[in-house]
Amino acid sequence: MVSADTPVAELSYEQARDELASVVAKLEAGTTSLETSLALWERGEQLVAVCERWLDNAKERIEAVRQNRPAGAAAQPESADDDE
């Protein structure tokens, strides 16, 4: 379990996404004080930035693989019949 004190830079995409969902739920509930709500919002902004960095990196990796694929080569899914 990730603590709210964990630096966002140390979070995986999944951890940041899950914590962000929790932050949003708390803010939507509207039961926190103004100060707590502001702290949650600030943490949420940091979590969004982390998620965006992870997704941008994933997109770059996908594009790099696509660019390195020989022209005309399409990814061929493996069929279940290949093992026979």
PDB file of N, CA and C in Angstrom:
ATOM      1  N   MET A   1       0.850  -1.182   0.000  1.00  0.00           N
ATOM      2  CA  MET A   1       0.000   0.000   0.000  1.00  0.00           C
ATOM      3  C   MET A   1       0.893   1.242   0.000  1.00  0.00           C
ATOM      4  N   VAL A   2       0.536   2.201  -0.796  1.00  0.00           N
ATOM      5  CA  VAL A   2       1.312   3.429  -0.925  1.00  0.00           C
ATOM      6  C   VAL A   2       0.762   4.469   0.036  1.00  0.00           C
ATOM      7  N   SER A   3       1.657   5.137   0.731  1.00  0.00           N
ATOM      8  CA  SER A   3       1.268   6.200   1.652  1.00  0.00           C
ATOM      9  C   SER A   3       1.103   7.506   0.882  1.00  0.00           C
ATOM     10  N   ALA A   4       0.224   8.361   1.366  1.00  0.00           N
ATOM     11  CA  ALA A   4       0.036   9.679   0.743  1.00  0.00           C
ATOM     12  C   ALA A   4       1.295  10.525   0.880  1.00  0.00           C
ATOM     13  N   ASP A   5       2.214  10.105   1.745  1.00  0.00           N
ATOM     14  CA  ASP A   5       3.474  10.823   1.922  1.00  0.00           C
ATOM     15  C   ASP A   5       4.548  10.352   0.941  1.00  0.00           C
ATOM     16  N   THR A   6       4.280   9.282   0.217  1.00  0.00           N
ATOM     17  CA  THR A   6       5.249   8.769  -0.740  1.00  0.00           C
ATOM     18  C   THR A   6       5.457   9.796  -1.852  1.00  0.00           C
ATOM     19  N   PRO A   7       6.709  10.148  -2.143  1.00  0.00           N
ATOM     20  CA  PRO A   7       6.948  11.101  -3.232  1.00  0.00           C
ATOM     21  C   PRO A   7       6.368  10.567  -4.544  1.00  0.00           C
ATOM     22  N   VAL A   8       5.665  11.422  -5.276  1.00  0.00           N
ATOM     23  CA  VAL A   8       4.990  10.969  -6.489  1.00  0.00           C
ATOM     24  C   VAL A   8       5.971  10.422  -7.524  1.00  0.00           C
ATOM     25  N   ALA A   9       7.192  10.903  -7.528  1.00  0.00           N
ATOM     26  CA  ALA A   9       8.183  10.437  -8.497  1.00  0.00           C
ATOM     27  C   ALA A   9       8.528   8.960  -8.298  1.00  0.00           C
ATOM     28  N   GLU A  10       8.245   8.416  -7.118  1.00  0.00           N
ATOM     29  CA  GLU A  10       8.547   7.016  -6.826  1.00  0.00           C
ATOM     30  C   GLU A  10       7.400   6.075  -7.176  1.00  0.00           C
ATOM     31  N   LEU A  11       6.272   6.612  -7.625  1.00  0.00           N
ATOM     32  CA  LEU A  11       5.093   5.792  -7.874  1.00  0.00           C
ATOM     33  C   LEU A  11       5.093   5.204  -9.279  1.00  0.00           C
ATOM     34  N   SER A  12       4.604   3.977  -9.369  1.00  0.00           N
ATOM     35  CA  SER A  12       4.360   3.391 -10.684  1.00  0.00           C
ATOM     36  C   SER A  12       3.115   4.050 -11.263  1.00  0.00           C
ATOM     37  N   TYR A  13       2.861   3.803 -12.529  1.00  0.00           N
ATOM     38  CA  TYR A  13       1.657   4.362 -13.149  1.00  0.00           C
ATOM     39  C   TYR A  13       0.416   3.884 -12.406  1.00  0.00           C
ATOM     40  N   GLU A  14       0.357   2.592 -12.125  1.00  0.00           N
ATOM     41  CA  GLU A  14      -0.821   2.025 -11.482  1.00  0.00           C
ATOM     42  C   GLU A  14      -1.034   2.597 -10.084  1.00  0.00           C
ATOM     43  N   GLN A  15       0.053   2.777  -9.346  1.00  0.00           N
ATOM     44  CA  GLN A  15      -0.057   3.354  -8.004  1.00  0.00           C
ATOM     45  C   GLN A  15      -0.564   4.788  -8.076  1.00  0.00           C
ATOM     46  N   ALA A  16      -0.010   5.569  -8.996  1.00  0.00           N
ATOM     47  CA  ALA A  16      -0.431   6.967  -9.140  1.00  0.00           C
ATOM     48  C   ALA A  16      -1.885   7.048  -9.578  1.00  0.00           C
ATOM     49  N   ARG A  17      -2.278   6.212 -10.513  1.00  0.00           N
ATOM     50  CA  ARG A  17      -3.662   6.205 -11.002  1.00  0.00           C
ATOM     51  C   ARG A  17      -4.636   5.839  -9.887  1.00  0.00           C
ATOM     52  N   ASP A  18      -4.295   4.811  -9.112  1.00  0.00           N
ATOM     53  CA  ASP A  18      -5.176   4.385  -8.025  1.00  0.00           C
ATOM     54  C   ASP A  18      -5.284   5.450  -6.941  1.00  0.00           C
ATOM     55  N   GLU A  19      -4.151   6.067  -6.600  1.00  0.00           N
ATOM     56  CA  GLU A  19      -4.199   7.121  -5.587  1.00  0.00           C
ATOM     57  C   GLU A  19      -4.985   8.325  -6.109  1.00  0.00           C
ATOM     58  N   LEU A  20      -4.832   8.639  -7.384  1.00  0.00           N
ATOM     59  CA  LEU A  20      -5.584   9.745  -7.974  1.00  0.00           C
ATOM     60  C   LEU A  20      -7.084   9.476  -7.896  1.00  0.00           C
ATOM     61  N   ALA A  21      -7.488   8.260  -8.170  1.00  0.00           N
ATOM     62  CA  ALA A  21      -8.911   7.904  -8.070  1.00  0.00           C
ATOM     63  C   ALA A  21      -9.405   8.092  -6.641  1.00  0.00           C
ATOM     64  N   SER A  22      -8.572   7.751  -5.667  1.00  0.00           N
ATOM     65  CA  SER A  22      -8.928   7.931  -4.261  1.00  0.00           C
ATOM     66  C   SER A  22      -9.050   9.412  -3.908  1.00  0.00           C
ATOM     67  N   VAL A  23      -8.122  10.214  -4.397  1.00  0.00           N
ATOM     68  CA  VAL A  23      -8.155  11.661  -4.153  1.00  0.00           C
ATOM     69  C   VAL A  23      -9.433  12.257  -4.733  1.00  0.00           C
ATOM     70  N   VAL A  24      -9.762  11.879  -5.951  1.00  0.00           N
ATOM     71  CA  VAL A  24     -10.972  12.395  -6.598  1.00  0.00           C
ATOM     72  C   VAL A  24     -12.207  12.008  -5.795  1.00  0.00           C
ATOM     73  N   ALA A  25     -12.259  10.769  -5.332  1.00  0.00           N
ATOM     74  CA  ALA A  25     -13.412  10.316  -4.547  1.00  0.00           C
ATOM     75  C   ALA A  25     -13.561  11.135  -3.266  1.00  0.00           C
ATOM     76  N   LYS A  26     -12.439  11.408  -2.598  1.00  0.00           N
ATOM     77  CA  LYS A  26     -12.489  12.205  -1.367  1.00  0.00           C
ATOM     78  C   LYS A  26     -12.964  13.630  -1.653  1.00  0.00           C
ATOM     79  N   LEU A  27     -12.466  14.208  -2.738  1.00  0.00           N
ATOM     80  CA  LEU A  27     -12.878  15.569  -3.085  1.00  0.00           C
ATOM     81  C   LEU A  27     -14.352  15.615  -3.486  1.00  0.00           C
ATOM     82  N   GLU A  28     -14.792  14.619  -4.231  1.00  0.00           N
ATOM     83  CA  GLU A  28     -16.195  14.585  -4.652  1.00  0.00           C
ATOM     84  C   GLU A  28     -17.146  14.373  -3.479  1.00  0.00           C
ATOM     85  N   ALA A  29     -16.673  13.693  -2.436  1.00  0.00           N
ATOM     86  CA  ALA A  29     -17.514  13.460  -1.260  1.00  0.00           C
ATOM     87  C   ALA A  29     -17.828  14.776  -0.557  1.00  0.00           C
ATOM     88  N   GLY A  30     -16.904  15.732  -0.654  1.00  0.00           N
ATOM     89  CA  GLY A  30     -17.134  17.054  -0.079  1.00  0.00           C
ATOM     90  C   GLY A  30     -17.169  17.093   1.432  1.00  0.00           C
ATOM     91  N   THR A  31     -16.537  16.140   2.072  1.00  0.00           N
ATOM     92  CA  THR A  31     -16.582  16.076   3.534  1.00  0.00           C
ATOM     93  C   THR A  31     -15.297  16.553   4.201  1.00  0.00           C
ATOM     94  N   THR A  32     -14.325  16.993   3.412  1.00  0.00           N
ATOM     95  CA  THR A  32     -13.061  17.432   3.999  1.00  0.00           C
ATOM     96  C   THR A  32     -13.050  18.946   4.173  1.00  0.00           C
ATOM     97  N   SER A  33     -12.183  19.393   5.059  1.00  0.00           N
ATOM     98  CA  SER A  33     -12.039  20.836   5.288  1.00  0.00           C
ATOM     99  C   SER A  33     -11.419  21.490   4.057  1.00  0.00           C
ATOM    100  N   LEU A  34     -11.479  22.797   4.012  1.00  0.00           N
ATOM    101  CA  LEU A  34     -10.891  23.525   2.894  1.00  0.00           C
ATOM    102  C   LEU A  34      -9.404  23.233   2.790  1.00  0.00           C
ATOM    103  N   GLU A  35      -8.716  23.276   3.915  1.00  0.00           N
ATOM    104  CA  GLU A  35      -7.266  23.037   3.909  1.00  0.00           C
ATOM    105  C   GLU A  35      -6.947  21.629   3.407  1.00  0.00           C
ATOM    106  N   THR A  36      -7.683  20.646   3.877  1.00  0.00           N
ATOM    107  CA  THR A  36      -7.469  19.270   3.432  1.00  0.00           C
ATOM    108  C   THR A  36      -7.807  19.124   1.954  1.00  0.00           C
ATOM    109  N   SER A  37      -8.878  19.776   1.529  1.00  0.00           N
ATOM    110  CA  SER A  37      -9.264  19.729   0.115  1.00  0.00           C
ATOM    111  C   SER A  37      -8.179  20.324  -0.770  1.00  0.00           C
ATOM    112  N   LEU A  38      -7.593  21.432  -0.338  1.00  0.00           N
ATOM    113  CA  LEU A  38      -6.507  22.043  -1.111  1.00  0.00           C
ATOM    114  C   LEU A  38      -5.292  21.123  -1.183  1.00  0.00           C
ATOM    115  N   ALA A  39      -4.966  20.485  -0.066  1.00  0.00           N
ATOM    116  CA  ALA A  39      -3.838  19.551  -0.054  1.00  0.00           C
ATOM    117  C   ALA A  39      -4.118  18.363  -0.978  1.00  0.00           C
ATOM    118  N   LEU A  40      -5.349  17.868  -0.949  1.00  0.00           N
ATOM    119  CA  LEU A  40      -5.723  16.768  -1.840  1.00  0.00           C
ATOM    120  C   LEU A  40      -5.639  17.203  -3.300  1.00  0.00           C
ATOM    121  N   TRP A  41      -6.121  18.390  -3.597  1.00  0.00           N
ATOM    122  CA  TRP A  41      -6.081  18.895  -4.969  1.00  0.00           C
ATOM    123  C   TRP A  41      -4.634  19.009  -5.454  1.00  0.00           C
ATOM    124  N   GLU A  42      -3.755  19.538  -4.592  1.00  0.00           N
ATOM    125  CA  GLU A  42      -2.345  19.676  -4.961  1.00  0.00           C
ATOM    126  C   GLU A  42      -1.717  18.307  -5.223  1.00  0.00           C
ATOM    127  N   ARG A  43      -2.019  17.346  -4.363  1.00  0.00           N
ATOM    128  CA  ARG A  43      -1.506  15.983  -4.553  1.00  0.00           C
ATOM    129  C   ARG A  43      -2.064  15.409  -5.859  1.00  0.00           C
ATOM    130  N   GLY A  44      -3.332  15.662  -6.111  1.00  0.00           N
ATOM    131  CA  GLY A  44      -3.951  15.187  -7.343  1.00  0.00           C
ATOM    132  C   GLY A  44      -3.266  15.736  -8.580  1.00  0.00           C
ATOM    133  N   GLU A  45      -2.924  17.017  -8.554  1.00  0.00           N
ATOM    134  CA  GLU A  45      -2.216  17.625  -9.685  1.00  0.00           C
ATOM    135  C   GLU A  45      -0.869  16.938  -9.904  1.00  0.00           C
ATOM    136  N   GLN A  46      -0.169  16.643  -8.822  1.00  0.00           N
ATOM    137  CA  GLN A  46       1.111  15.945  -8.930  1.00  0.00           C
ATOM    138  C   GLN A  46       0.920  14.546  -9.505  1.00  0.00           C
ATOM    139  N   LEU A  47      -0.131  13.871  -9.059  1.00  0.00           N
ATOM    140  CA  LEU A  47      -0.409  12.517  -9.543  1.00  0.00           C
ATOM    141  C   LEU A  47      -0.764  12.522 -11.030  1.00  0.00           C
ATOM    142  N   VAL A  48      -1.527  13.517 -11.460  1.00  0.00           N
ATOM    143  CA  VAL A  48      -1.862  13.645 -12.885  1.00  0.00           C
ATOM    144  C   VAL A  48      -0.579  13.795 -13.699  1.00  0.00           C
ATOM    145  N   ALA A  49       0.336  14.624 -13.224  1.00  0.00           N
ATOM    146  CA  ALA A  49       1.591  14.841 -13.946  1.00  0.00           C
ATOM    147  C   ALA A  49       2.389  13.544 -14.060  1.00  0.00           C
ATOM    148  N   VAL A  50       2.416  12.759 -12.991  1.00  0.00           N
ATOM    149  CA  VAL A  50       3.131  11.478 -13.015  1.00  0.00           C
ATOM    150  C   VAL A  50       2.486  10.533 -14.026  1.00  0.00           C
ATOM    151  N   CYS A  51       1.167  10.445 -13.989  1.00  0.00           N
ATOM    152  CA  CYS A  51       0.458   9.573 -14.935  1.00  0.00           C
ATOM    153  C   CYS A  51       0.729  10.004 -16.373  1.00  0.00           C
ATOM    154  N   GLU A  52       0.700  11.296 -16.625  1.00  0.00           N
ATOM    155  CA  GLU A  52       0.968  11.799 -17.977  1.00  0.00           C
ATOM    156  C   GLU A  52       2.387  11.460 -18.418  1.00  0.00           C
ATOM    157  N   ARG A  53       3.360  11.566 -17.508  1.00  0.00           N
ATOM    158  CA  ARG A  53       4.742  11.216 -17.861  1.00  0.00           C
ATOM    159  C   ARG A  53       4.848   9.737 -18.216  1.00  0.00           C
ATOM    160  N   TRP A  54       4.212   8.877 -17.402  1.00  0.00           N
ATOM    161  CA  TRP A  54       4.230   7.438 -17.688  1.00  0.00           C
ATOM    162  C   TRP A  54       3.612   7.153 -19.052  1.00  0.00           C
ATOM    163  N   LEU A  55       2.465   7.774 -19.332  1.00  0.00           N
ATOM    164  CA  LEU A  55       1.779   7.526 -20.603  1.00  0.00           C
ATOM    165  C   LEU A  55       2.562   8.086 -21.785  1.00  0.00           C
ATOM    166  N   ASP A  56       3.168   9.256 -21.613  1.00  0.00           N
ATOM    167  CA  ASP A  56       3.997   9.830 -22.676  1.00  0.00           C
ATOM    168  C   ASP A  56       5.181   8.922 -22.978  1.00  0.00           C
ATOM    169  N   ASN A  57       5.804   8.382 -21.923  1.00  0.00           N
ATOM    170  CA  ASN A  57       6.932   7.476 -22.103  1.00  0.00           C
ATOM    171  C   ASN A  57       6.491   6.207 -22.826  1.00  0.00           C
ATOM    172  N   ALA A  58       5.342   5.675 -22.451  1.00  0.00           N
ATOM    173  CA  ALA A  58       4.830   4.471 -23.117  1.00  0.00           C
ATOM    174  C   ALA A  58       4.576   4.749 -24.595  1.00  0.00           C
ATOM    175  N   LYS A  59       4.014   5.905 -24.894  1.00  0.00           N
ATOM    176  CA  LYS A  59       3.744   6.280 -26.286  1.00  0.00           C
ATOM    177  C   LYS A  59       5.046   6.373 -27.076  1.00  0.00           C
ATOM    178  N   GLU A  60       6.074   6.973 -26.480  1.00  0.00           N
ATOM    179  CA  GLU A  60       7.372   7.088 -27.144  1.00  0.00           C
ATOM    180  C   GLU A  60       7.971   5.715 -27.416  1.00  0.00           C
ATOM    181  N   ARG A  61       7.843   4.805 -26.463  1.00  0.00           N
ATOM    182  CA  ARG A  61       8.375   3.453 -26.643  1.00  0.00           C
ATOM    183  C   ARG A  61       7.651   2.725 -27.770  1.00  0.00           C
ATOM    184  N   ILE A  62       6.333   2.887 -27.834  1.00  0.00           N
ATOM    185  CA  ILE A  62       5.554   2.254 -28.905  1.00  0.00           C
ATOM    186  C   ILE A  62       5.971   2.814 -30.255  1.00  0.00           C
ATOM    187  N   GLU A  63       6.113   4.126 -30.329  1.00  0.00           N
ATOM    188  CA  GLU A  63       6.526   4.758 -31.586  1.00  0.00           C
ATOM    189  C   GLU A  63       7.918   4.296 -32.000  1.00  0.00           C
ATOM    190  N   ALA A  64       8.822   4.136 -31.041  1.00  0.00           N
ATOM    191  CA  ALA A  64      10.173   3.676 -31.357  1.00  0.00           C
ATOM    192  C   ALA A  64      10.138   2.270 -31.937  1.00  0.00           C
ATOM    193  N   VAL A  65       9.315   1.408 -31.378  1.00  0.00           N
ATOM    194  CA  VAL A  65       9.189   0.046 -31.898  1.00  0.00           C
ATOM    195  C   VAL A  65       8.607   0.081 -33.306  1.00  0.00           C
ATOM    196  N   ARG A  66       7.599   0.894 -33.506  1.00  0.00           N
ATOM    197  CA  ARG A  66       6.980   1.001 -34.839  1.00  0.00           C
ATOM    198  C   ARG A  66       7.976   1.504 -35.876  1.00  0.00           C
ATOM    199  N   GLN A  67       8.805   2.458 -35.505  1.00  0.00           N
ATOM    200  CA  GLN A  67       9.769   3.018 -36.452  1.00  0.00           C
ATOM    201  C   GLN A  67      10.875   2.024 -36.782  1.00  0.00           C
ATOM    202  N   ASN A  68      11.184   1.130 -35.861  1.00  0.00           N
ATOM    203  CA  ASN A  68      12.248   0.149 -36.084  1.00  0.00           C
ATOM    204  C   ASN A  68      11.765  -1.086 -36.827  1.00  0.00           C
ATOM    205  N   ARG A  69      10.462  -1.209 -37.026  1.00  0.00           N
ATOM    206  CA  ARG A  69       9.908  -2.357 -37.740  1.00  0.00           C
ATOM    207  C   ARG A  69      10.186  -2.168 -39.234  1.00  0.00           C
ATOM    208  N   PRO A  70      10.614  -3.225 -39.928  1.00  0.00           N
ATOM    209  CA  PRO A  70      10.869  -3.103 -41.367  1.00  0.00           C
ATOM    210  C   PRO A  70       9.615  -2.659 -42.119  1.00  0.00           C
ATOM    211  N   ALA A  71       9.817  -1.897 -43.183  1.00  0.00           N
ATOM    212  CA  ALA A  71       8.691  -1.405 -43.979  1.00  0.00           C
ATOM    213  C   ALA A  71       7.880  -2.578 -44.508  1.00  0.00           C
ATOM    214  N   GLY A  72       6.585  -2.460 -44.426  1.00  0.00           N
ATOM    215  CA  GLY A  72       5.694  -3.500 -44.921  1.00  0.00           C
ATOM    216  C   GLY A  72       5.486  -4.651 -43.963  1.00  0.00           C
ATOM    217  N   ALA A  73       6.261  -4.686 -42.897  1.00  0.00           N
ATOM    218  CA  ALA A  73       6.100  -5.767 -41.918  1.00  0.00           C
ATOM    219  C   ALA A  73       5.001  -5.387 -40.949  1.00  0.00           C
ATOM    220  N   ALA A  74       4.037  -6.225 -40.858  1.00  0.00           N
ATOM    221  CA  ALA A  74       2.941  -6.002 -39.915  1.00  0.00           C
ATOM    222  C   ALA A  74       3.077  -7.013 -38.800  1.00  0.00           C
ATOM    223  N   ALA A  75       2.681  -6.602 -37.645  1.00  0.00           N
ATOM    224  CA  ALA A  75       2.720  -7.526 -36.513  1.00  0.00           C
ATOM    225  C   ALA A  75       1.754  -8.665 -36.792  1.00  0.00           C
ATOM    226  N   GLN A  76       2.249  -9.874 -36.706  1.00  0.00           N
ATOM    227  CA  GLN A  76       1.420 -11.047 -36.947  1.00  0.00           C
ATOM    228  C   GLN A  76       1.067 -11.691 -35.613  1.00  0.00           C
ATOM    229  N   PRO A  77      -0.205 -11.765 -35.301  1.00  0.00           N
ATOM    230  CA  PRO A  77      -0.572 -12.441 -34.056  1.00  0.00           C
ATOM    231  C   PRO A  77      -0.278 -13.928 -34.174  1.00  0.00           C
ATOM    232  N   GLU A  78       0.155 -14.509 -33.078  1.00  0.00           N
ATOM    233  CA  GLU A  78       0.412 -15.940 -33.075  1.00  0.00           C
ATOM    234  C   GLU A  78      -0.913 -16.665 -32.993  1.00  0.00           C
ATOM    235  N   SER A  79      -1.064 -17.666 -33.835  1.00  0.00           N
ATOM    236  CA  SER A  79      -2.310 -18.427 -33.773  1.00  0.00           C
ATOM    237  C   SER A  79      -2.109 -19.631 -32.874  1.00  0.00           C
ATOM    238  N   ALA A  80      -3.190 -20.139 -32.360  1.00  0.00           N
ATOM    239  CA  ALA A  80      -3.141 -21.305 -31.479  1.00  0.00           C
ATOM    240  C   ALA A  80      -2.678 -22.531 -32.242  1.00  0.00           C
ATOM    241  N   ASP A  81      -2.793 -22.527 -33.577  1.00  0.00           N
ATOM    242  CA  ASP A  81      -2.414 -23.678 -34.387  1.00  0.00           C
ATOM    243  C   ASP A  81      -0.905 -23.810 -34.542  1.00  0.00           C
ATOM    244  N   ASP A  82      -0.138 -22.779 -34.208  1.00  0.00           N
ATOM    245  CA  ASP A  82       1.309 -22.816 -34.375  1.00  0.00           C
ATOM    246  C   ASP A  82       1.981 -23.861 -33.504  1.00  0.00           C
ATOM    247  N   ASP A  83       1.355 -24.243 -32.410  1.00  0.00           N
ATOM    248  CA  ASP A  83       1.954 -25.199 -31.484  1.00  0.00           C
ATOM    249  C   ASP A  83       1.770 -26.634 -31.934  1.00  0.00           C
ATOM    250  N   GLU A  84       0.958 -26.870 -32.909  1.00  0.00           N
ATOM    251  CA  GLU A  84       0.659 -28.242 -33.331  1.00  0.00           C
ATOM    252  C   GLU A  84       1.632 -28.731 -34.354  1.00  0.00           C
TER     253      GLU A  84
END
